[in-house]
Amino acid sequence: MNSKSILALYNGEYTCIEKPIPKDSKYAKTLSKCTNLQEKLAQLVDKETFALIDKTLECQSELSAIEMEEVFVEGFSLAISLVLEAISNK
């Protein structure tokens, strides 16, 4: 399996079903916390500063997504290698 196929799996491109939003309480609490912090920050700084902070956070989120993709591909490849090794030892 090549990295493009693994990334397609990671990104949910292997199915036509849309990815659902997590329904667990941890996700909901974190989303609420983020929203509250964003609203407080918007009140503390001017619009230009807030826009700059917002763009910085978006850029950091983008970097995190890229890093998560790379880690997923590495982990998936390692898992498959371990499975193949386990099968070949039988």
N, C-alpha and C. Protein backbone atom coordinates (compact mmCIF):
# COMPACT_ATOMS: atom_id res chain seq x y z
N MET A 1 0.86 -1.18 0.00
CA MET A 1 0.00 0.00 0.00
C MET A 1 0.90 1.23 0.00
N ASN A 2 0.67 2.15 -0.91
CA ASN A 2 1.52 3.34 -0.97
C ASN A 2 0.97 4.45 -0.07
N SER A 3 1.76 5.50 0.12
CA SER A 3 1.36 6.56 1.05
C SER A 3 0.12 7.31 0.58
N LYS A 4 -0.12 7.39 -0.74
CA LYS A 4 -1.32 8.06 -1.23
C LYS A 4 -2.58 7.31 -0.78
N SER A 5 -2.53 5.99 -0.83
CA SER A 5 -3.67 5.18 -0.40
C SER A 5 -3.89 5.32 1.10
N ILE A 6 -2.79 5.35 1.84
CA ILE A 6 -2.90 5.49 3.29
C ILE A 6 -3.47 6.86 3.64
N LEU A 7 -3.02 7.91 2.94
CA LEU A 7 -3.57 9.25 3.18
C LEU A 7 -5.05 9.32 2.80
N ALA A 8 -5.44 8.63 1.74
CA ALA A 8 -6.85 8.59 1.37
C ALA A 8 -7.66 7.94 2.48
N LEU A 9 -7.12 6.90 3.07
CA LEU A 9 -7.78 6.25 4.19
C LEU A 9 -7.88 7.21 5.37
N TYR A 10 -6.78 7.89 5.68
CA TYR A 10 -6.74 8.85 6.79
C TYR A 10 -7.76 9.98 6.58
N ASN A 11 -7.83 10.49 5.37
CA ASN A 11 -8.70 11.63 5.08
C ASN A 11 -10.15 11.24 4.82
N GLY A 12 -10.46 9.95 4.94
CA GLY A 12 -11.84 9.51 4.79
C GLY A 12 -12.30 9.42 3.35
N GLU A 13 -11.37 9.39 2.41
CA GLU A 13 -11.72 9.35 0.99
C GLU A 13 -12.08 7.95 0.52
N TYR A 14 -12.04 6.98 1.40
CA TYR A 14 -12.35 5.61 1.04
C TYR A 14 -13.85 5.32 1.09
N THR A 15 -14.62 6.30 1.49
CA THR A 15 -16.07 6.12 1.59
C THR A 15 -16.78 7.38 1.13
N CYS A 16 -18.03 7.24 0.77
CA CYS A 16 -18.80 8.41 0.34
C CYS A 16 -19.53 9.05 1.52
N ILE A 17 -19.43 8.44 2.68
CA ILE A 17 -20.10 8.96 3.87
C ILE A 17 -19.27 10.09 4.47
N GLU A 18 -19.93 11.19 4.81
CA GLU A 18 -19.22 12.30 5.42
C GLU A 18 -18.80 11.94 6.84
N LYS A 19 -17.68 12.50 7.27
CA LYS A 19 -17.20 12.26 8.62
C LYS A 19 -18.13 12.97 9.61
N PRO A 20 -18.64 12.24 10.60
CA PRO A 20 -19.51 12.90 11.58
C PRO A 20 -18.69 13.69 12.60
N ILE A 21 -19.32 14.67 13.21
CA ILE A 21 -18.69 15.43 14.28
C ILE A 21 -18.74 14.54 15.53
N PRO A 22 -17.64 14.43 16.25
CA PRO A 22 -17.65 13.58 17.45
C PRO A 22 -18.75 14.01 18.43
N LYS A 23 -19.39 13.04 19.04
CA LYS A 23 -20.50 13.34 19.94
C LYS A 23 -20.14 13.12 21.40
N ASP A 24 -18.87 12.85 21.69
CA ASP A 24 -18.50 12.62 23.08
C ASP A 24 -18.39 13.93 23.84
N SER A 25 -18.47 13.85 25.16
CA SER A 25 -18.49 15.05 25.99
C SER A 25 -17.15 15.79 25.96
N LYS A 26 -16.07 15.07 25.79
CA LYS A 26 -14.75 15.71 25.74
C LYS A 26 -14.67 16.69 24.57
N TYR A 27 -15.17 16.27 23.41
CA TYR A 27 -15.17 17.14 22.23
C TYR A 27 -16.05 18.37 22.48
N ALA A 28 -17.24 18.15 23.00
CA ALA A 28 -18.17 19.25 23.24
C ALA A 28 -17.60 20.25 24.25
N LYS A 29 -16.98 19.76 25.31
CA LYS A 29 -16.39 20.64 26.33
C LYS A 29 -15.24 21.45 25.74
N THR A 30 -14.41 20.81 24.96
CA THR A 30 -13.25 21.50 24.36
C THR A 30 -13.71 22.54 23.35
N LEU A 31 -14.72 22.21 22.55
CA LEU A 31 -15.25 23.18 21.59
C LEU A 31 -15.84 24.39 22.30
N SER A 32 -16.57 24.15 23.38
CA SER A 32 -17.15 25.24 24.16
C SER A 32 -16.06 26.12 24.77
N LYS A 33 -15.02 25.48 25.28
CA LYS A 33 -13.90 26.21 25.87
C LYS A 33 -13.22 27.09 24.82
N CYS A 34 -13.00 26.54 23.64
CA CYS A 34 -12.37 27.31 22.56
C CYS A 34 -13.22 28.51 22.16
N THR A 35 -14.51 28.29 22.05
CA THR A 35 -15.42 29.37 21.67
C THR A 35 -15.41 30.48 22.71
N ASN A 36 -15.47 30.11 23.98
CA ASN A 36 -15.45 31.10 25.06
C ASN A 36 -14.16 31.89 25.08
N LEU A 37 -13.03 31.20 24.91
CA LEU A 37 -11.74 31.89 24.90
C LEU A 37 -11.63 32.84 23.71
N GLN A 38 -12.14 32.41 22.57
CA GLN A 38 -12.10 33.25 21.38
C GLN A 38 -12.94 34.52 21.59
N GLU A 39 -14.09 34.38 22.20
CA GLU A 39 -14.95 35.54 22.46
C GLU A 39 -14.29 36.50 23.45
N LYS A 40 -13.67 35.97 24.49
CA LYS A 40 -12.97 36.82 25.47
C LYS A 40 -11.81 37.56 24.82
N LEU A 41 -11.05 36.85 24.00
CA LEU A 41 -9.91 37.47 23.32
C LEU A 41 -10.38 38.58 22.38
N ALA A 42 -11.46 38.36 21.69
CA ALA A 42 -11.99 39.36 20.75
C ALA A 42 -12.37 40.65 21.49
N GLN A 43 -12.78 40.53 22.74
CA GLN A 43 -13.15 41.72 23.52
C GLN A 43 -11.92 42.45 24.06
N LEU A 44 -10.81 41.73 24.23
CA LEU A 44 -9.62 42.32 24.83
C LEU A 44 -8.72 43.06 23.85
N VAL A 45 -8.74 42.66 22.60
CA VAL A 45 -7.83 43.26 21.63
C VAL A 45 -8.61 43.91 20.48
N ASP A 46 -7.91 44.76 19.74
CA ASP A 46 -8.56 45.40 18.59
C ASP A 46 -8.75 44.38 17.46
N LYS A 47 -9.57 44.73 16.49
CA LYS A 47 -9.92 43.81 15.40
C LYS A 47 -8.70 43.36 14.59
N GLU A 48 -7.77 44.27 14.34
CA GLU A 48 -6.59 43.92 13.55
C GLU A 48 -5.72 42.89 14.29
N THR A 49 -5.54 43.10 15.58
CA THR A 49 -4.76 42.16 16.38
C THR A 49 -5.46 40.81 16.46
N PHE A 50 -6.77 40.85 16.64
CA PHE A 50 -7.53 39.60 16.72
C PHE A 50 -7.43 38.83 15.40
N ALA A 51 -7.52 39.53 14.28
CA ALA A 51 -7.41 38.88 12.97
C ALA A 51 -6.03 38.23 12.80
N LEU A 52 -4.99 38.90 13.27
CA LEU A 52 -3.64 38.34 13.19
C LEU A 52 -3.51 37.09 14.07
N ILE A 53 -4.04 37.16 15.25
CA ILE A 53 -4.02 36.00 16.15
C ILE A 53 -4.79 34.84 15.52
N ASP A 54 -5.95 35.16 14.96
CA ASP A 54 -6.79 34.13 14.33
C ASP A 54 -6.06 33.45 13.17
N LYS A 55 -5.40 34.25 12.33
CA LYS A 55 -4.65 33.68 11.20
C LYS A 55 -3.48 32.82 11.69
N THR A 56 -2.84 33.24 12.77
CA THR A 56 -1.73 32.46 13.34
C THR A 56 -2.24 31.11 13.83
N LEU A 57 -3.38 31.11 14.52
CA LEU A 57 -3.96 29.86 15.02
C LEU A 57 -4.38 28.95 13.87
N GLU A 58 -4.92 29.53 12.80
CA GLU A 58 -5.29 28.73 11.63
C GLU A 58 -4.05 28.07 11.02
N CYS A 59 -2.97 28.82 10.94
CA CYS A 59 -1.72 28.29 10.40
C CYS A 59 -1.19 27.16 11.27
N GLN A 60 -1.25 27.33 12.58
CA GLN A 60 -0.81 26.27 13.49
C GLN A 60 -1.69 25.03 13.37
N SER A 61 -2.98 25.22 13.19
CA SER A 61 -3.88 24.09 13.00
C SER A 61 -3.56 23.35 11.71
N GLU A 62 -3.24 24.10 10.68
CA GLU A 62 -2.86 23.49 9.40
C GLU A 62 -1.59 22.65 9.55
N LEU A 63 -0.61 23.18 10.28
CA LEU A 63 0.62 22.44 10.53
C LEU A 63 0.33 21.17 11.33
N SER A 64 -0.53 21.27 12.32
CA SER A 64 -0.89 20.10 13.12
C SER A 64 -1.54 19.03 12.25
N ALA A 65 -2.40 19.44 11.35
CA ALA A 65 -3.07 18.49 10.45
C ALA A 65 -2.05 17.77 9.57
N ILE A 66 -1.08 18.53 9.06
CA ILE A 66 -0.03 17.92 8.23
C ILE A 66 0.79 16.93 9.05
N GLU A 67 1.14 17.32 10.27
CA GLU A 67 1.89 16.42 11.15
C GLU A 67 1.10 15.16 11.47
N MET A 68 -0.21 15.31 11.73
CA MET A 68 -1.05 14.15 12.04
C MET A 68 -1.13 13.19 10.85
N GLU A 69 -1.21 13.74 9.66
CA GLU A 69 -1.22 12.88 8.46
C GLU A 69 0.06 12.06 8.39
N GLU A 70 1.21 12.73 8.59
CA GLU A 70 2.50 12.04 8.51
C GLU A 70 2.61 10.95 9.57
N VAL A 71 2.18 11.25 10.78
CA VAL A 71 2.24 10.27 11.87
C VAL A 71 1.31 9.09 11.58
N PHE A 72 0.13 9.38 11.02
CA PHE A 72 -0.80 8.31 10.68
C PHE A 72 -0.19 7.37 9.65
N VAL A 73 0.40 7.95 8.60
CA VAL A 73 1.03 7.14 7.55
C VAL A 73 2.14 6.27 8.16
N GLU A 74 2.98 6.88 9.00
CA GLU A 74 4.06 6.12 9.64
C GLU A 74 3.51 5.00 10.51
N GLY A 75 2.53 5.31 11.34
CA GLY A 75 1.93 4.32 12.23
C GLY A 75 1.23 3.21 11.48
N PHE A 76 0.52 3.56 10.44
CA PHE A 76 -0.19 2.57 9.64
C PHE A 76 0.81 1.63 8.96
N SER A 77 1.85 2.21 8.40
CA SER A 77 2.88 1.41 7.74
C SER A 77 3.56 0.47 8.74
N LEU A 78 3.85 0.97 9.93
CA LEU A 78 4.45 0.14 10.96
C LEU A 78 3.51 -1.00 11.35
N ALA A 79 2.22 -0.69 11.52
CA ALA A 79 1.25 -1.71 11.89
C ALA A 79 1.17 -2.81 10.83
N ILE A 80 1.14 -2.42 9.57
CA ILE A 80 1.07 -3.41 8.50
C ILE A 80 2.35 -4.25 8.48
N SER A 81 3.50 -3.61 8.68
CA SER A 81 4.76 -4.36 8.72
C SER A 81 4.75 -5.38 9.86
N LEU A 82 4.23 -4.98 11.01
CA LEU A 82 4.15 -5.91 12.14
C LEU A 82 3.20 -7.06 11.86
N VAL A 83 2.08 -6.78 11.22
CA VAL A 83 1.12 -7.83 10.87
C VAL A 83 1.76 -8.81 9.88
N LEU A 84 2.43 -8.27 8.87
CA LEU A 84 3.08 -9.15 7.88
C LEU A 84 4.17 -10.00 8.52
N GLU A 85 4.91 -9.42 9.44
CA GLU A 85 5.96 -10.17 10.13
C GLU A 85 5.35 -11.27 10.99
N ALA A 86 4.26 -10.95 11.68
CA ALA A 86 3.60 -11.93 12.54
C ALA A 86 3.04 -13.09 11.70
N ILE A 87 2.49 -12.77 10.55
CA ILE A 87 1.94 -13.81 9.67
C ILE A 87 3.05 -14.69 9.10
N SER A 88 4.17 -14.06 8.72
CA SER A 88 5.25 -14.82 8.10
C SER A 88 5.97 -15.72 9.10
N ASN A 89 5.85 -15.42 10.40
CA ASN A 89 6.51 -16.24 11.42
C ASN A 89 5.70 -17.48 11.79
N LYS A 90 4.48 -17.60 11.31
CA LYS A 90 3.64 -18.75 11.67
C LYS A 90 4.00 -19.97 10.89
